Amino acid sequence: MIGSDASEAVTTGPGASSAVTTGTGPATAGPAGTPVTLLIADDDEVTRSGLRMLLAAQQGITVVGEAADGVEAVEQARLLRPDVVLMDVRMPRRNGIEATRQLLAESAEPPKVVVITTFENDGYVTAALGAGASGFVLKRLPVRQIAEAVRVVAAGEAILFPAALRRMVAARPLGSAEALPKAALTGREEEVLRLMATGLSNPEIAESLTVSLETVKTHVGNVLTKLGAQNRTHAVVIAYESGLVVPGFAG
């Protein structure tokens, strides 16, 4: 059900109120002002139709198709080549995790994936983030926030919900130490990763560490490379699951 509750949604950058972005500010549309094209994948027809109607009315978004399960989501994404797929995780035939993994593996320029779920403690969400999804949103969020998440991710940024992510990971056993090869990260890189896990943007990390923004960008890039992370969100998942960052860490 699409609701109207407020949320702790954090998109990691400057210039946001309830949302902060990893780039230079909130996105309003695709490149050169073109609308962001969106595919909605959800096995519940009422939810899917409602999302399509509401999101199609949002500025800067064009809904190009729907899918009722993971297999159809992959097929429609191949055919329609959307900028973003709004992906439910619990679907028949192929779940959103496997669909996400396939989409991101089979194309040099895959769509961005935003996971949409009913429960913020859904263990499937962390698995989807690990598969390369750029973030997640809750179905109860106001449609304007879901739309903003779609626009932000289309701009190459990420959607983080630090508190919700901490709760999800806290309910899961820690991964092996191999998930975070600590010897490969410098002390400063570990520090940057911990701050990323709290939802801080690059400018905020630079201010916290009293270093330049370019230095932070270099550290973030090194962290993603060394961890083999698909994106910033995936790196944060690894940080929690490896135990480098523990639930309740506040920076």
Foldseek 3Di string as FASTA:
>chain_A
DAAADDACKEAADPDDDSYHHQDHYFFQAAPPLAAFEEEEEAQDPVLRVVLQVLLCPGGRYHYDYYHNFLVRQLVVCVVVVGQEYAAEADGPPHGRQVSLLVQVPPDPRGHAYEYEEADLLDLSQLSSVLSQHQYYDYSHHHSVVVNRQSRRVSVVTGMDNLQSLQNNLQVPAADELVLPVPVQADPVLLVLLQVVSLSYHLVRVCVVVVHDSVVSVVSQVSLCVVNVHNDSSNSSSSCDRNVSHHRPDND
